[in-house]
Amino acid sequence: NVAVRVGAQGIGFAIPVDKAMQIACELISAKRLQ
């Protein structure tokens, strides 16, 4: 879950998990952290 539409009701947004896990893989990668 990432965002809401200000002033709107029943409208919320989320980053798809496949994309989120791809980014998470890069963020914890051995290349990046170690």
PDB file of all heavy atoms in Angstrom:
ATOM      1  N   ASN A   1       0.837  -1.194   0.000  1.00  0.00           N
ATOM      2  CA  ASN A   1       0.000   0.000   0.000  1.00  0.00           C
ATOM      3  C   ASN A   1       0.879   1.253   0.000  1.00  0.00           C
ATOM      4  O   ASN A   1       1.819   1.363   0.785  1.00  0.00           O
ATOM      5  CB  ASN A   1      -0.908   0.004   1.224  1.00  0.00           C
ATOM      6  CG  ASN A   1      -1.845  -1.190   1.237  1.00  0.00           C
ATOM      7  OD1 ASN A   1      -2.388  -1.569   0.207  1.00  0.00           O
ATOM      8  ND2 ASN A   1      -2.018  -1.812   2.392  1.00  0.00           N
ATOM      9  N   VAL A   2       0.534   2.185  -0.879  1.00  0.00           N
ATOM     10  CA  VAL A   2       1.452   3.300  -1.069  1.00  0.00           C
ATOM     11  C   VAL A   2       0.794   4.669  -1.074  1.00  0.00           C
ATOM     12  O   VAL A   2       1.426   5.664  -0.727  1.00  0.00           O
ATOM     13  CB  VAL A   2       2.254   3.101  -2.386  1.00  0.00           C
ATOM     14  CG1 VAL A   2       1.354   3.251  -3.597  1.00  0.00           C
ATOM     15  CG2 VAL A   2       3.412   4.054  -2.482  1.00  0.00           C
ATOM     16  N   ALA A   3      -0.456   4.780  -1.483  1.00  0.00           N
ATOM     17  CA  ALA A   3      -1.019   6.123  -1.644  1.00  0.00           C
ATOM     18  C   ALA A   3      -2.533   6.101  -1.533  1.00  0.00           C
ATOM     19  O   ALA A   3      -3.188   5.092  -1.797  1.00  0.00           O
ATOM     20  CB  ALA A   3      -0.619   6.705  -3.007  1.00  0.00           C
ATOM     21  N   VAL A   4      -3.069   7.251  -1.145  1.00  0.00           N
ATOM     22  CA  VAL A   4      -4.513   7.476  -1.153  1.00  0.00           C
ATOM     23  C   VAL A   4      -4.781   8.712  -1.988  1.00  0.00           C
ATOM     24  O   VAL A   4      -3.906   9.560  -2.179  1.00  0.00           O
ATOM     25  CB  VAL A   4      -5.080   7.670   0.275  1.00  0.00           C
ATOM     26  CG1 VAL A   4      -4.946   6.412   1.082  1.00  0.00           C
ATOM     27  CG2 VAL A   4      -4.390   8.837   0.979  1.00  0.00           C
ATOM     28  N   ARG A   5      -5.967   8.809  -2.501  1.00  0.00           N
ATOM     29  CA  ARG A   5      -6.373   9.972  -3.274  1.00  0.00           C
ATOM     30  C   ARG A   5      -7.034  10.943  -2.316  1.00  0.00           C
ATOM     31  O   ARG A   5      -8.090  10.677  -1.755  1.00  0.00           O
ATOM     32  CB  ARG A   5      -7.356   9.567  -4.373  1.00  0.00           C
ATOM     33  CG  ARG A   5      -7.681  10.671  -5.353  1.00  0.00           C
ATOM     34  CD  ARG A   5      -6.513  10.944  -6.274  1.00  0.00           C
ATOM     35  NE  ARG A   5      -6.821  11.977  -7.243  1.00  0.00           N
ATOM     36  CZ  ARG A   5      -5.972  12.386  -8.168  1.00  0.00           C
ATOM     37  NH1 ARG A   5      -4.762  11.855  -8.221  1.00  0.00           N
ATOM     38  NH2 ARG A   5      -6.299  13.329  -9.028  1.00  0.00           N
ATOM     39  N   VAL A   6      -6.388  12.088  -2.092  1.00  0.00           N
ATOM     40  CA  VAL A   6      -6.883  13.055  -1.123  1.00  0.00           C
ATOM     41  C   VAL A   6      -8.280  13.523  -1.527  1.00  0.00           C
ATOM     42  O   VAL A   6      -8.520  13.900  -2.673  1.00  0.00           O
ATOM     43  CB  VAL A   6      -5.925  14.269  -1.029  1.00  0.00           C
ATOM     44  CG1 VAL A   6      -6.491  15.306  -0.075  1.00  0.00           C
ATOM     45  CG2 VAL A   6      -4.547  13.812  -0.586  1.00  0.00           C
ATOM     46  N   GLY A   7      -9.204  13.471  -0.561  1.00  0.00           N
ATOM     47  CA  GLY A   7     -10.556  13.929  -0.807  1.00  0.00           C
ATOM     48  C   GLY A   7     -11.474  12.872  -1.391  1.00  0.00           C
ATOM     49  O   GLY A   7     -12.683  13.085  -1.477  1.00  0.00           O
ATOM     50  N   ALA A   8     -10.918  11.737  -1.791  1.00  0.00           N
ATOM     51  CA  ALA A   8     -11.738  10.675  -2.379  1.00  0.00           C
ATOM     52  C   ALA A   8     -12.038   9.610  -1.337  1.00  0.00           C
ATOM     53  O   ALA A   8     -11.312   9.446  -0.361  1.00  0.00           O
ATOM     54  CB  ALA A   8     -11.036  10.064  -3.583  1.00  0.00           C
ATOM     55  N   GLN A   9     -13.095   8.874  -1.542  1.00  0.00           N
ATOM     56  CA  GLN A   9     -13.454   7.773  -0.662  1.00  0.00           C
ATOM     57  C   GLN A   9     -13.413   6.465  -1.445  1.00  0.00           C
ATOM     58  O   GLN A   9     -13.875   6.395  -2.571  1.00  0.00           O
ATOM     59  CB  GLN A   9     -14.854   7.993  -0.079  1.00  0.00           C
ATOM     60  CG  GLN A   9     -14.948   9.210   0.835  1.00  0.00           C
ATOM     61  CD  GLN A   9     -16.330   9.346   1.460  1.00  0.00           C
ATOM     62  OE1 GLN A   9     -17.201   8.512   1.231  1.00  0.00           O
ATOM     63  NE2 GLN A   9     -16.508  10.385   2.249  1.00  0.00           N
ATOM     64  N   GLY A  10     -12.840   5.438  -0.812  1.00  0.00           N
ATOM     65  CA  GLY A  10     -12.802   4.132  -1.457  1.00  0.00           C
ATOM     66  C   GLY A  10     -11.831   4.045  -2.609  1.00  0.00           C
ATOM     67  O   GLY A  10     -12.013   3.207  -3.496  1.00  0.00           O
ATOM     68  N   ILE A  11     -10.808   4.907  -2.597  1.00  0.00           N
ATOM     69  CA  ILE A  11      -9.791   4.845  -3.644  1.00  0.00           C
ATOM     70  C   ILE A  11      -8.415   4.814  -3.000  1.00  0.00           C
ATOM     71  O   ILE A  11      -7.961   5.817  -2.435  1.00  0.00           O
ATOM     72  CB  ILE A  11      -9.885   6.036  -4.629  1.00  0.00           C
ATOM     73  CG1 ILE A  11     -11.255   6.054  -5.310  1.00  0.00           C
ATOM     74  CG2 ILE A  11      -8.781   5.950  -5.678  1.00  0.00           C
ATOM     75  CD1 ILE A  11     -11.429   7.200  -6.295  1.00  0.00           C
ATOM     76  N   GLY A  12      -7.769   3.666  -3.043  1.00  0.00           N
ATOM     77  CA  GLY A  12      -6.414   3.520  -2.536  1.00  0.00           C
ATOM     78  C   GLY A  12      -5.571   2.809  -3.573  1.00  0.00           C
ATOM     79  O   GLY A  12      -6.097   2.214  -4.529  1.00  0.00           O
ATOM     80  N   PHE A  13      -4.253   2.851  -3.387  1.00  0.00           N
ATOM     81  CA  PHE A  13      -3.360   2.290  -4.395  1.00  0.00           C
ATOM     82  C   PHE A  13      -2.247   1.481  -3.737  1.00  0.00           C
ATOM     83  O   PHE A  13      -1.825   1.766  -2.613  1.00  0.00           O
ATOM     84  CB  PHE A  13      -2.755   3.400  -5.257  1.00  0.00           C
ATOM     85  CG  PHE A  13      -3.777   4.218  -5.995  1.00  0.00           C
ATOM     86  CD1 PHE A  13      -4.257   5.405  -5.459  1.00  0.00           C
ATOM     87  CD2 PHE A  13      -4.281   3.785  -7.213  1.00  0.00           C
ATOM     88  CE1 PHE A  13      -5.212   6.157  -6.125  1.00  0.00           C
ATOM     89  CE2 PHE A  13      -5.233   4.529  -7.893  1.00  0.00           C
ATOM     90  CZ  PHE A  13      -5.700   5.723  -7.351  1.00  0.00           C
ATOM     91  N   ALA A  14      -1.762   0.487  -4.477  1.00  0.00           N
ATOM     92  CA  ALA A  14      -0.694  -0.376  -3.981  1.00  0.00           C
ATOM     93  C   ALA A  14       0.264  -0.713  -5.114  1.00  0.00           C
ATOM     94  O   ALA A  14      -0.145  -0.842  -6.275  1.00  0.00           O
ATOM     95  CB  ALA A  14      -1.276  -1.661  -3.387  1.00  0.00           C
ATOM     96  N   ILE A  15       1.552  -0.848  -4.768  1.00  0.00           N
ATOM     97  CA  ILE A  15       2.558  -1.289  -5.728  1.00  0.00           C
ATOM     98  C   ILE A  15       2.421  -2.794  -5.901  1.00  0.00           C
ATOM     99  O   ILE A  15       2.395  -3.534  -4.911  1.00  0.00           O
ATOM    100  CB  ILE A  15       3.972  -0.957  -5.215  1.00  0.00           C
ATOM    101  CG1 ILE A  15       4.130   0.556  -5.011  1.00  0.00           C
ATOM    102  CG2 ILE A  15       5.034  -1.476  -6.164  1.00  0.00           C
ATOM    103  CD1 ILE A  15       5.419   0.940  -4.303  1.00  0.00           C
ATOM    104  N   PRO A  16       2.312  -3.295  -7.133  1.00  0.00           N
ATOM    105  CA  PRO A  16       2.196  -4.750  -7.337  1.00  0.00           C
ATOM    106  C   PRO A  16       3.366  -5.487  -6.694  1.00  0.00           C
ATOM    107  O   PRO A  16       4.510  -5.043  -6.758  1.00  0.00           O
ATOM    108  CB  PRO A  16       2.219  -4.889  -8.860  1.00  0.00           C
ATOM    109  CG  PRO A  16       1.742  -3.572  -9.376  1.00  0.00           C
ATOM    110  CD  PRO A  16       2.259  -2.554  -8.404  1.00  0.00           C
ATOM    111  N   VAL A  17       3.093  -6.618  -6.069  1.00  0.00           N
ATOM    112  CA  VAL A  17       4.121  -7.317  -5.293  1.00  0.00           C
ATOM    113  C   VAL A  17       5.264  -7.825  -6.165  1.00  0.00           C
ATOM    114  O   VAL A  17       6.415  -7.859  -5.719  1.00  0.00           O
ATOM    115  CB  VAL A  17       3.494  -8.475  -4.483  1.00  0.00           C
ATOM    116  CG1 VAL A  17       3.132  -9.653  -5.376  1.00  0.00           C
ATOM    117  CG2 VAL A  17       4.427  -8.913  -3.365  1.00  0.00           C
ATOM    118  N   ASP A  18       4.991  -8.210  -7.410  1.00  0.00           N
ATOM    119  CA  ASP A  18       6.078  -8.686  -8.270  1.00  0.00           C
ATOM    120  C   ASP A  18       7.109  -7.585  -8.490  1.00  0.00           C
ATOM    121  O   ASP A  18       8.323  -7.830  -8.457  1.00  0.00           O
ATOM    122  CB  ASP A  18       5.531  -9.176  -9.609  1.00  0.00           C
ATOM    123  CG  ASP A  18       4.724 -10.456  -9.476  1.00  0.00           C
ATOM    124  OD1 ASP A  18       4.878 -11.146  -8.441  1.00  0.00           O
ATOM    125  OD2 ASP A  18       3.934 -10.767 -10.383  1.00  0.00           O
ATOM    126  N   LYS A  19       6.642  -6.365  -8.697  1.00  0.00           N
ATOM    127  CA  LYS A  19       7.555  -5.232  -8.871  1.00  0.00           C
ATOM    128  C   LYS A  19       8.244  -4.916  -7.556  1.00  0.00           C
ATOM    129  O   LYS A  19       9.454  -4.647  -7.511  1.00  0.00           O
ATOM    130  CB  LYS A  19       6.785  -4.011  -9.372  1.00  0.00           C
ATOM    131  CG  LYS A  19       7.654  -2.782  -9.594  1.00  0.00           C
ATOM    132  CD  LYS A  19       6.835  -1.633 -10.152  1.00  0.00           C
ATOM    133  CE  LYS A  19       7.714  -0.410 -10.421  1.00  0.00           C
ATOM    134  NZ  LYS A  19       6.920   0.715 -11.005  1.00  0.00           N
ATOM    135  N   ALA A  20       7.491  -4.939  -6.456  1.00  0.00           N
ATOM    136  CA  ALA A  20       8.065  -4.624  -5.140  1.00  0.00           C
ATOM    137  C   ALA A  20       9.161  -5.613  -4.765  1.00  0.00           C
ATOM    138  O   ALA A  20      10.206  -5.231  -4.227  1.00  0.00           O
ATOM    139  CB  ALA A  20       6.969  -4.615  -4.080  1.00  0.00           C
ATOM    140  N   MET A  21       8.955  -6.898  -5.053  1.00  0.00           N
ATOM    141  CA  MET A  21       9.963  -7.900  -4.708  1.00  0.00           C
ATOM    142  C   MET A  21      11.190  -7.799  -5.609  1.00  0.00           C
ATOM    143  O   MET A  21      12.305  -8.100  -5.193  1.00  0.00           O
ATOM    144  CB  MET A  21       9.364  -9.305  -4.784  1.00  0.00           C
ATOM    145  CG  MET A  21       8.327  -9.590  -3.699  1.00  0.00           C
ATOM    146  SD  MET A  21       8.967  -9.379  -2.006  1.00  0.00           S
ATOM    147  CE  MET A  21       8.269  -7.764  -1.574  1.00  0.00           C
ATOM    148  N   GLN A  22      10.990  -7.368  -6.841  1.00  0.00           N
ATOM    149  CA  GLN A  22      12.130  -7.131  -7.731  1.00  0.00           C
ATOM    150  C   GLN A  22      13.001  -6.008  -7.181  1.00  0.00           C
ATOM    151  O   GLN A  22      14.233  -6.113  -7.144  1.00  0.00           O
ATOM    152  CB  GLN A  22      11.628  -6.778  -9.132  1.00  0.00           C
ATOM    153  CG  GLN A  22      12.745  -6.462 -10.121  1.00  0.00           C
ATOM    154  CD  GLN A  22      12.207  -6.004 -11.465  1.00  0.00           C
ATOM    155  OE1 GLN A  22      11.015  -6.029 -11.719  1.00  0.00           O
ATOM    156  NE2 GLN A  22      13.104  -5.565 -12.317  1.00  0.00           N
ATOM    157  N   ILE A  23      12.360  -4.936  -6.723  1.00  0.00           N
ATOM    158  CA  ILE A  23      13.105  -3.816  -6.134  1.00  0.00           C
ATOM    159  C   ILE A  23      13.745  -4.248  -4.810  1.00  0.00           C
ATOM    160  O   ILE A  23      14.898  -3.923  -4.530  1.00  0.00           O
ATOM    161  CB  ILE A  23      12.177  -2.613  -5.912  1.00  0.00           C
ATOM    162  CG1 ILE A  23      11.606  -2.123  -7.248  1.00  0.00           C
ATOM    163  CG2 ILE A  23      12.918  -1.483  -5.206  1.00  0.00           C
ATOM    164  CD1 ILE A  23      12.644  -1.680  -8.249  1.00  0.00           C
ATOM    165  N   ALA A  24      13.001  -5.011  -3.991  1.00  0.00           N
ATOM    166  CA  ALA A  24      13.542  -5.481  -2.713  1.00  0.00           C
ATOM    167  C   ALA A  24      14.777  -6.340  -2.931  1.00  0.00           C
ATOM    168  O   ALA A  24      15.743  -6.272  -2.163  1.00  0.00           O
ATOM    169  CB  ALA A  24      12.476  -6.262  -1.945  1.00  0.00           C
ATOM    170  N   CYS A  25      14.763  -7.157  -3.989  1.00  0.00           N
ATOM    171  CA  CYS A  25      15.912  -7.993  -4.321  1.00  0.00           C
ATOM    172  C   CYS A  25      17.141  -7.131  -4.574  1.00  0.00           C
ATOM    173  O   CYS A  25      18.248  -7.443  -4.119  1.00  0.00           O
ATOM    174  CB  CYS A  25      15.586  -8.845  -5.544  1.00  0.00           C
ATOM    175  SG  CYS A  25      16.923  -9.920  -6.083  1.00  0.00           S
ATOM    176  N   GLU A  26      16.959  -6.029  -5.292  1.00  0.00           N
ATOM    177  CA  GLU A  26      18.071  -5.123  -5.564  1.00  0.00           C
ATOM    178  C   GLU A  26      18.524  -4.410  -4.295  1.00  0.00           C
ATOM    179  O   GLU A  26      19.723  -4.193  -4.079  1.00  0.00           O
ATOM    180  CB  GLU A  26      17.659  -4.106  -6.628  1.00  0.00           C
ATOM    181  CG  GLU A  26      17.324  -4.727  -7.982  1.00  0.00           C
ATOM    182  CD  GLU A  26      16.715  -3.730  -8.946  1.00  0.00           C
ATOM    183  OE1 GLU A  26      16.635  -2.537  -8.584  1.00  0.00           O
ATOM    184  OE2 GLU A  26      16.329  -4.129 -10.057  1.00  0.00           O
ATOM    185  N   LEU A  27      17.563  -4.045  -3.436  1.00  0.00           N
ATOM    186  CA  LEU A  27      17.891  -3.281  -2.236  1.00  0.00           C
ATOM    187  C   LEU A  27      18.671  -4.089  -1.203  1.00  0.00           C
ATOM    188  O   LEU A  27      19.424  -3.520  -0.410  1.00  0.00           O
ATOM    189  CB  LEU A  27      16.609  -2.728  -1.604  1.00  0.00           C
ATOM    190  CG  LEU A  27      15.860  -1.658  -2.409  1.00  0.00           C
ATOM    191  CD1 LEU A  27      14.603  -1.215  -1.676  1.00  0.00           C
ATOM    192  CD2 LEU A  27      16.751  -0.454  -2.703  1.00  0.00           C
ATOM    193  N   ILE A  28      18.481  -5.415  -1.177  1.00  0.00           N
ATOM    194  CA  ILE A  28      19.211  -6.238  -0.201  1.00  0.00           C
ATOM    195  C   ILE A  28      20.311  -7.062  -0.869  1.00  0.00           C
ATOM    196  O   ILE A  28      20.883  -7.957  -0.238  1.00  0.00           O
ATOM    197  CB  ILE A  28      18.262  -7.184   0.566  1.00  0.00           C
ATOM    198  CG1 ILE A  28      17.639  -8.209  -0.375  1.00  0.00           C
ATOM    199  CG2 ILE A  28      17.202  -6.393   1.329  1.00  0.00           C
ATOM    200  CD1 ILE A  28      16.888  -9.327   0.360  1.00  0.00           C
ATOM    201  N   SER A  29      20.603  -6.759  -2.126  1.00  0.00           N
ATOM    202  CA  SER A  29      21.569  -7.572  -2.861  1.00  0.00           C
ATOM    203  C   SER A  29      22.961  -7.492  -2.239  1.00  0.00           C
ATOM    204  O   SER A  29      23.353  -6.478  -1.652  1.00  0.00           O
ATOM    205  CB  SER A  29      21.637  -7.131  -4.324  1.00  0.00           C
ATOM    206  OG  SER A  29      22.184  -5.834  -4.428  1.00  0.00           O
ATOM    207  N   ALA A  30      23.701  -8.585  -2.387  1.00  0.00           N
ATOM    208  CA  ALA A  30      25.082  -8.620  -1.905  1.00  0.00           C
ATOM    209  C   ALA A  30      25.923  -7.555  -2.599  1.00  0.00           C
ATOM    210  O   ALA A  30      26.833  -6.970  -2.009  1.00  0.00           O
ATOM    211  CB  ALA A  30      25.674 -10.014  -2.157  1.00  0.00           C
ATOM    212  N   LYS A  31      25.604  -7.298  -3.837  1.00  0.00           N
ATOM    213  CA  LYS A  31      26.305  -6.268  -4.611  1.00  0.00           C
ATOM    214  C   LYS A  31      26.124  -4.901  -3.984  1.00  0.00           C
ATOM    215  O   LYS A  31      27.068  -4.118  -3.869  1.00  0.00           O
ATOM    216  CB  LYS A  31      25.765  -6.276  -6.044  1.00  0.00           C
ATOM    217  CG  LYS A  31      26.317  -5.210  -6.959  1.00  0.00           C
ATOM    218  CD  LYS A  31      25.689  -5.351  -8.349  1.00  0.00           C
ATOM    219  CE  LYS A  31      26.134  -4.245  -9.286  1.00  0.00           C
ATOM    220  NZ  LYS A  31      25.524  -4.386 -10.629  1.00  0.00           N
ATOM    221  N   ARG A  32      24.906  -4.611  -3.525  1.00  0.00           N
ATOM    222  CA  ARG A  32      24.606  -3.287  -2.980  1.00  0.00           C
ATOM    223  C   ARG A  32      25.051  -3.139  -1.533  1.00  0.00           C
ATOM    224  O   ARG A  32      25.615  -2.116  -1.144  1.00  0.00           O
ATOM    225  CB  ARG A  32      23.108  -3.019  -3.101  1.00  0.00           C
ATOM    226  CG  ARG A  32      22.695  -1.608  -2.674  1.00  0.00           C
ATOM    227  CD  ARG A  32      21.200  -1.424  -2.814  1.00  0.00           C
ATOM    228  NE  ARG A  32      20.799  -0.054  -2.536  1.00  0.00           N
ATOM    229  CZ  ARG A  32      20.226   0.752  -3.408  1.00  0.00           C
ATOM    230  NH1 ARG A  32      20.016   0.351  -4.646  1.00  0.00           N
ATOM    231  NH2 ARG A  32      19.872   1.979  -3.072  1.00  0.00           N
ATOM    232  N   LEU A  33      24.796  -4.145  -0.717  1.00  0.00           N
ATOM    233  CA  LEU A  33      25.039  -4.005   0.720  1.00  0.00           C
ATOM    234  C   LEU A  33      26.450  -4.401   1.141  1.00  0.00           C
ATOM    235  O   LEU A  33      26.998  -3.823   2.082  1.00  0.00           O
ATOM    236  CB  LEU A  33      24.021  -4.843   1.508  1.00  0.00           C
ATOM    237  CG  LEU A  33      22.556  -4.451   1.357  1.00  0.00           C
ATOM    238  CD1 LEU A  33      21.696  -5.248   2.330  1.00  0.00           C
ATOM    239  CD2 LEU A  33      22.346  -2.949   1.582  1.00  0.00           C
ATOM    240  N   GLN A  34      27.024  -5.424   0.489  1.00  0.00           N
ATOM    241  CA  GLN A  34      28.336  -5.894   0.918  1.00  0.00           C
ATOM    242  C   GLN A  34      29.431  -5.699  -0.133  1.00  0.00           C
ATOM    243  O   GLN A  34      30.581  -6.062   0.099  1.00  0.00           O
ATOM    244  CB  GLN A  34      28.284  -7.384   1.272  1.00  0.00           C
ATOM    245  CG  GLN A  34      27.456  -7.691   2.518  1.00  0.00           C
ATOM    246  CD  GLN A  34      26.135  -8.367   2.187  1.00  0.00           C
ATOM    247  OE1 GLN A  34      25.072  -7.825   2.439  1.00  0.00           O
ATOM    248  NE2 GLN A  34      26.181  -9.547   1.599  1.00  0.00           N
TER     249      GLN A  34
END
